[in-house]
Amino acid sequence: MKKIKLLLFLIPFVTLLVASYLGYENYKNKKPNEIHKVRVGYIEKSEVEFDSIKEYAKESIYGTYSSTAPRIYKGSKYQFKKHILDNYTSEAFDDNGYLVLRFYINHKGEVFLHDTIELNHAYEAFDLNDSLVNQLTALSFRKENWNPFGDNKNNYYMHLTYMVARP
């Protein structure tokens, strides 16, 4: 009877040990880059243009997806939207689709790494007018748009989605 009780205790214990060991080995054998590629906000460095990533890459990223949005706009989101609408000249463009800008903002309020995604209304890859993309990107990435958060050494992840539509 004692042997059966001992076996009933040892089997789950040994199973837990083996499962823990195998899980750790699997985690240990993965490359660090593979682990972080599934995170929201991951931007592949080799596929995008960036200015000074080496200066800021060692700093941590604050916020997930758009959780920093209410605090990151200098002034307010309304002021940001008003600035874009006042300065955007749409008369020359007849494109329809979405422009998604994903980027990091450093603690000085500067955009230093970004990814641009252009989609049609069916969310398929689509080439929007280059001049339109450049204009919205330049207006969005202005340092004056973003709160630097003072001495905090964190970088911030941000994304903006523009719907471009002609009636």
C-alpha atoms as a PDB file:
ATOM      1  CA  MET A   1       0.000   0.000   0.000  1.00  0.00           C
ATOM      2  CA  LYS A   2       2.870   2.376   0.829  1.00  0.00           C
ATOM      3  CA  LYS A   3       4.455   1.670  -2.561  1.00  0.00           C
ATOM      4  CA  ILE A   4       1.278   2.663  -4.401  1.00  0.00           C
ATOM      5  CA  LYS A   5       0.998   5.924  -2.425  1.00  0.00           C
ATOM      6  CA  LEU A   6       4.664   6.669  -3.127  1.00  0.00           C
ATOM      7  CA  LEU A   7       4.121   5.990  -6.844  1.00  0.00           C
ATOM      8  CA  LEU A   8       1.017   8.198  -6.912  1.00  0.00           C
ATOM      9  CA  PHE A   9       3.100  11.007  -5.413  1.00  0.00           C
ATOM     10  CA  LEU A  10       6.218  10.491  -7.572  1.00  0.00           C
ATOM     11  CA  ILE A  11       4.534  10.205 -10.976  1.00  0.00           C
ATOM     12  CA  PRO A  12       3.062  13.765 -11.039  1.00  0.00           C
ATOM     13  CA  PHE A  13       6.223  15.157  -9.437  1.00  0.00           C
ATOM     14  CA  VAL A  14       8.525  13.558 -12.037  1.00  0.00           C
ATOM     15  CA  THR A  15       6.144  14.585 -14.852  1.00  0.00           C
ATOM     16  CA  LEU A  16       6.244  18.192 -13.650  1.00  0.00           C
ATOM     17  CA  LEU A  17      10.046  18.135 -13.476  1.00  0.00           C
ATOM     18  CA  VAL A  18      10.376  16.703 -17.006  1.00  0.00           C
ATOM     19  CA  ALA A  19       7.864  19.195 -18.452  1.00  0.00           C
ATOM     20  CA  SER A  20       9.650  22.106 -16.754  1.00  0.00           C
ATOM     21  CA  TYR A  21      13.028  20.970 -18.057  1.00  0.00           C
ATOM     22  CA  LEU A  22      11.746  20.526 -21.628  1.00  0.00           C
ATOM     23  CA  GLY A  23      10.032  23.929 -21.559  1.00  0.00           C
ATOM     24  CA  TYR A  24      13.210  25.601 -20.307  1.00  0.00           C
ATOM     25  CA  GLU A  25      15.324  23.906 -22.995  1.00  0.00           C
ATOM     26  CA  ASN A  26      12.873  25.021 -25.673  1.00  0.00           C
ATOM     27  CA  TYR A  27      12.976  28.617 -24.398  1.00  0.00           C
ATOM     28  CA  LYS A  28      16.773  28.590 -24.061  1.00  0.00           C
ATOM     29  CA  ASN A  29      17.294  27.348 -27.628  1.00  0.00           C
ATOM     30  CA  LYS A  30      15.197  30.126 -29.203  1.00  0.00           C
ATOM     31  CA  LYS A  31      17.069  33.145 -30.450  1.00  0.00           C
ATOM     32  CA  PRO A  32      16.252  36.351 -28.511  1.00  0.00           C
ATOM     33  CA  ASN A  33      14.977  38.073 -31.669  1.00  0.00           C
ATOM     34  CA  GLU A  34      12.466  35.285 -32.328  1.00  0.00           C
ATOM     35  CA  ILE A  35      10.949  35.690 -28.870  1.00  0.00           C
ATOM     36  CA  HIS A  36      10.263  39.415 -29.309  1.00  0.00           C
ATOM     37  CA  LYS A  37       8.967  39.270 -32.907  1.00  0.00           C
ATOM     38  CA  VAL A  38       5.525  38.273 -31.701  1.00  0.00           C
ATOM     39  CA  ARG A  39       5.175  41.336 -29.460  1.00  0.00           C
ATOM     40  CA  VAL A  40       2.881  44.179 -30.421  1.00  0.00           C
ATOM     41  CA  GLY A  41       5.027  47.091 -31.494  1.00  0.00           C
ATOM     42  CA  TYR A  42       7.887  45.009 -32.920  1.00  0.00           C
ATOM     43  CA  ILE A  43       9.428  46.726 -35.954  1.00  0.00           C
ATOM     44  CA  GLU A  44      11.953  44.769 -38.027  1.00  0.00           C
ATOM     45  CA  LYS A  45      15.061  46.960 -38.134  1.00  0.00           C
ATOM     46  CA  SER A  46      16.325  45.566 -41.452  1.00  0.00           C
ATOM     47  CA  GLU A  47      13.079  46.421 -43.268  1.00  0.00           C
ATOM     48  CA  VAL A  48      12.605  50.058 -42.267  1.00  0.00           C
ATOM     49  CA  GLU A  49      14.430  53.331 -42.464  1.00  0.00           C
ATOM     50  CA  PHE A  50      15.833  54.663 -39.237  1.00  0.00           C
ATOM     51  CA  ASP A  51      18.073  57.513 -38.229  1.00  0.00           C
ATOM     52  CA  SER A  52      19.807  56.982 -34.925  1.00  0.00           C
ATOM     53  CA  ILE A  53      18.692  53.594 -33.608  1.00  0.00           C
ATOM     54  CA  LYS A  54      22.115  52.867 -32.057  1.00  0.00           C
ATOM     55  CA  GLU A  55      21.772  55.847 -29.733  1.00  0.00           C
ATOM     56  CA  TYR A  56      18.400  54.694 -28.400  1.00  0.00           C
ATOM     57  CA  ALA A  57      18.266  50.929 -28.949  1.00  0.00           C
ATOM     58  CA  LYS A  58      19.541  50.116 -25.454  1.00  0.00           C
ATOM     59  CA  GLU A  59      16.763  52.092 -23.787  1.00  0.00           C
ATOM     60  CA  SER A  60      13.556  50.339 -22.814  1.00  0.00           C
ATOM     61  CA  ILE A  61      10.243  50.687 -24.623  1.00  0.00           C
ATOM     62  CA  TYR A  62       7.342  52.044 -22.592  1.00  0.00           C
ATOM     63  CA  GLY A  63       3.720  51.314 -23.356  1.00  0.00           C
ATOM     64  CA  THR A  64       2.001  48.649 -25.361  1.00  0.00           C
ATOM     65  CA  TYR A  65       0.274  49.308 -28.653  1.00  0.00           C
ATOM     66  CA  SER A  66      -1.273  52.729 -27.999  1.00  0.00           C
ATOM     67  CA  SER A  67      -1.469  52.807 -24.208  1.00  0.00           C
ATOM     68  CA  THR A  68       0.801  55.864 -24.123  1.00  0.00           C
ATOM     69  CA  ALA A  69      -1.331  57.800 -26.614  1.00  0.00           C
ATOM     70  CA  PRO A  70      -3.165  60.068 -24.149  1.00  0.00           C
ATOM     71  CA  ARG A  71       0.106  61.311 -22.637  1.00  0.00           C
ATOM     72  CA  ILE A  72       2.387  61.278 -25.671  1.00  0.00           C
ATOM     73  CA  TYR A  73       0.645  63.994 -27.719  1.00  0.00           C
ATOM     74  CA  LYS A  74       2.038  67.451 -27.036  1.00  0.00           C
ATOM     75  CA  GLY A  75      -1.032  69.406 -26.038  1.00  0.00           C
ATOM     76  CA  SER A  76      -3.732  66.926 -26.972  1.00  0.00           C
ATOM     77  CA  LYS A  77      -4.838  64.498 -29.652  1.00  0.00           C
ATOM     78  CA  TYR A  78      -7.298  67.149 -30.831  1.00  0.00           C
ATOM     79  CA  GLN A  79      -4.443  69.619 -31.390  1.00  0.00           C
ATOM     80  CA  PHE A  80      -2.479  66.972 -33.298  1.00  0.00           C
ATOM     81  CA  LYS A  81      -5.490  66.221 -35.533  1.00  0.00           C
ATOM     82  CA  LYS A  82      -6.123  69.949 -36.094  1.00  0.00           C
ATOM     83  CA  HIS A  83      -2.478  70.475 -37.133  1.00  0.00           C
ATOM     84  CA  ILE A  84      -2.684  67.592 -39.641  1.00  0.00           C
ATOM     85  CA  LEU A  85      -5.999  68.820 -41.118  1.00  0.00           C
ATOM     86  CA  ASP A  86      -4.793  72.438 -41.353  1.00  0.00           C
ATOM     87  CA  ASN A  87      -1.546  71.540 -43.136  1.00  0.00           C
ATOM     88  CA  TYR A  88      -2.538  68.562 -45.300  1.00  0.00           C
ATOM     89  CA  THR A  89      -3.222  69.440 -48.935  1.00  0.00           C
ATOM     90  CA  SER A  90      -5.447  66.707 -50.307  1.00  0.00           C
ATOM     91  CA  GLU A  91      -6.525  68.291 -53.591  1.00  0.00           C
ATOM     92  CA  ALA A  92      -3.755  66.640 -55.591  1.00  0.00           C
ATOM     93  CA  PHE A  93      -4.524  63.080 -54.494  1.00  0.00           C
ATOM     94  CA  ASP A  94      -7.278  60.704 -55.541  1.00  0.00           C
ATOM     95  CA  ASP A  95      -6.094  57.594 -53.663  1.00  0.00           C
ATOM     96  CA  ASN A  96      -8.315  55.409 -51.497  1.00  0.00           C
ATOM     97  CA  GLY A  97      -7.001  53.240 -48.686  1.00  0.00           C
ATOM     98  CA  TYR A  98      -5.242  53.299 -45.343  1.00  0.00           C
ATOM     99  CA  LEU A  99      -1.845  54.583 -44.332  1.00  0.00           C
ATOM    100  CA  VAL A 100      -0.528  53.049 -41.107  1.00  0.00           C
ATOM    101  CA  LEU A 101       2.488  54.633 -39.438  1.00  0.00           C
ATOM    102  CA  ARG A 102       4.149  52.641 -36.651  1.00  0.00           C
ATOM    103  CA  PHE A 103       7.073  54.306 -34.907  1.00  0.00           C
ATOM    104  CA  TYR A 104       9.105  54.839 -31.775  1.00  0.00           C
ATOM    105  CA  ILE A 105       9.524  58.178 -30.033  1.00  0.00           C
ATOM    106  CA  ASN A 106      12.568  58.741 -27.837  1.00  0.00           C
ATOM    107  CA  HIS A 107      12.638  60.609 -24.549  1.00  0.00           C
ATOM    108  CA  LYS A 108      13.466  63.818 -26.435  1.00  0.00           C
ATOM    109  CA  GLY A 109      10.288  63.605 -28.544  1.00  0.00           C
ATOM    110  CA  GLU A 110      12.111  62.538 -31.724  1.00  0.00           C
ATOM    111  CA  VAL A 111      10.892  59.762 -34.026  1.00  0.00           C
ATOM    112  CA  PHE A 112      13.832  57.404 -34.564  1.00  0.00           C
ATOM    113  CA  LEU A 113      12.466  54.188 -36.072  1.00  0.00           C
ATOM    114  CA  HIS A 114       9.374  53.796 -38.196  1.00  0.00           C
ATOM    115  CA  ASP A 115       7.443  51.451 -40.436  1.00  0.00           C
ATOM    116  CA  THR A 116       4.946  52.535 -43.094  1.00  0.00           C
ATOM    117  CA  ILE A 117       2.151  50.225 -44.213  1.00  0.00           C
ATOM    118  CA  GLU A 118      -0.059  51.092 -47.191  1.00  0.00           C
ATOM    119  CA  LEU A 119      -3.345  49.203 -47.630  1.00  0.00           C
ATOM    120  CA  ASN A 120      -6.460  49.340 -49.789  1.00  0.00           C
ATOM    121  CA  HIS A 121      -9.943  49.254 -48.240  1.00  0.00           C
ATOM    122  CA  ALA A 122      -9.846  45.431 -48.248  1.00  0.00           C
ATOM    123  CA  TYR A 123      -6.681  45.614 -46.041  1.00  0.00           C
ATOM    124  CA  GLU A 124      -4.446  44.268 -48.813  1.00  0.00           C
ATOM    125  CA  ALA A 125      -1.020  45.712 -49.631  1.00  0.00           C
ATOM    126  CA  PHE A 126      -1.468  48.682 -51.938  1.00  0.00           C
ATOM    127  CA  ASP A 127       0.751  51.520 -53.171  1.00  0.00           C
ATOM    128  CA  LEU A 128      -0.602  54.931 -52.258  1.00  0.00           C
ATOM    129  CA  ASN A 129       0.691  58.059 -53.950  1.00  0.00           C
ATOM    130  CA  ASP A 130       4.280  58.656 -52.745  1.00  0.00           C
ATOM    131  CA  SER A 131       3.707  62.374 -52.348  1.00  0.00           C
ATOM    132  CA  LEU A 132       0.656  61.733 -50.143  1.00  0.00           C
ATOM    133  CA  VAL A 133       2.595  59.261 -47.983  1.00  0.00           C
ATOM    134  CA  ASN A 134       5.562  61.618 -47.662  1.00  0.00           C
ATOM    135  CA  GLN A 135       3.335  64.554 -46.718  1.00  0.00           C
ATOM    136  CA  LEU A 136       1.432  62.665 -43.997  1.00  0.00           C
ATOM    137  CA  THR A 137       4.647  61.101 -42.696  1.00  0.00           C
ATOM    138  CA  ALA A 138       6.403  64.479 -42.471  1.00  0.00           C
ATOM    139  CA  LEU A 139       3.424  66.082 -40.734  1.00  0.00           C
ATOM    140  CA  SER A 140       3.115  63.177 -38.279  1.00  0.00           C
ATOM    141  CA  PHE A 141       6.789  62.820 -37.366  1.00  0.00           C
ATOM    142  CA  ARG A 142       7.364  66.471 -36.430  1.00  0.00           C
ATOM    143  CA  LYS A 143       9.122  66.752 -33.072  1.00  0.00           C
ATOM    144  CA  GLU A 144       6.643  69.461 -32.094  1.00  0.00           C
ATOM    145  CA  ASN A 145       3.843  66.833 -32.026  1.00  0.00           C
ATOM    146  CA  TRP A 146       5.292  64.673 -29.268  1.00  0.00           C
ATOM    147  CA  ASN A 147       5.794  65.043 -25.538  1.00  0.00           C
ATOM    148  CA  PRO A 148       9.424  64.357 -24.543  1.00  0.00           C
ATOM    149  CA  PHE A 149       8.643  63.287 -20.928  1.00  0.00           C
ATOM    150  CA  GLY A 150      11.727  65.035 -19.524  1.00  0.00           C
ATOM    151  CA  ASP A 151      14.429  62.966 -17.860  1.00  0.00           C
ATOM    152  CA  ASN A 152      12.696  59.652 -18.448  1.00  0.00           C
ATOM    153  CA  LYS A 153      14.990  57.482 -20.606  1.00  0.00           C
ATOM    154  CA  ASN A 154      12.165  55.378 -22.064  1.00  0.00           C
ATOM    155  CA  ASN A 155      11.226  55.148 -25.723  1.00  0.00           C
ATOM    156  CA  TYR A 156       7.559  55.110 -26.664  1.00  0.00           C
ATOM    157  CA  TYR A 157       5.786  52.999 -29.272  1.00  0.00           C
ATOM    158  CA  MET A 158       3.069  54.763 -31.232  1.00  0.00           C
ATOM    159  CA  HIS A 159       0.913  54.057 -34.257  1.00  0.00           C
ATOM    160  CA  LEU A 160      -1.350  56.207 -36.385  1.00  0.00           C
ATOM    161  CA  THR A 161      -3.809  55.053 -39.028  1.00  0.00           C
ATOM    162  CA  TYR A 162      -5.003  57.469 -41.684  1.00  0.00           C
ATOM    163  CA  MET A 163      -8.003  56.633 -43.862  1.00  0.00           C
ATOM    164  CA  VAL A 164      -7.472  58.197 -47.258  1.00  0.00           C
ATOM    165  CA  ALA A 165     -10.713  58.396 -49.227  1.00  0.00           C
ATOM    166  CA  ARG A 166     -12.080  60.259 -52.204  1.00  0.00           C
ATOM    167  CA  PRO A 167     -15.861  60.456 -52.596  1.00  0.00           C
END
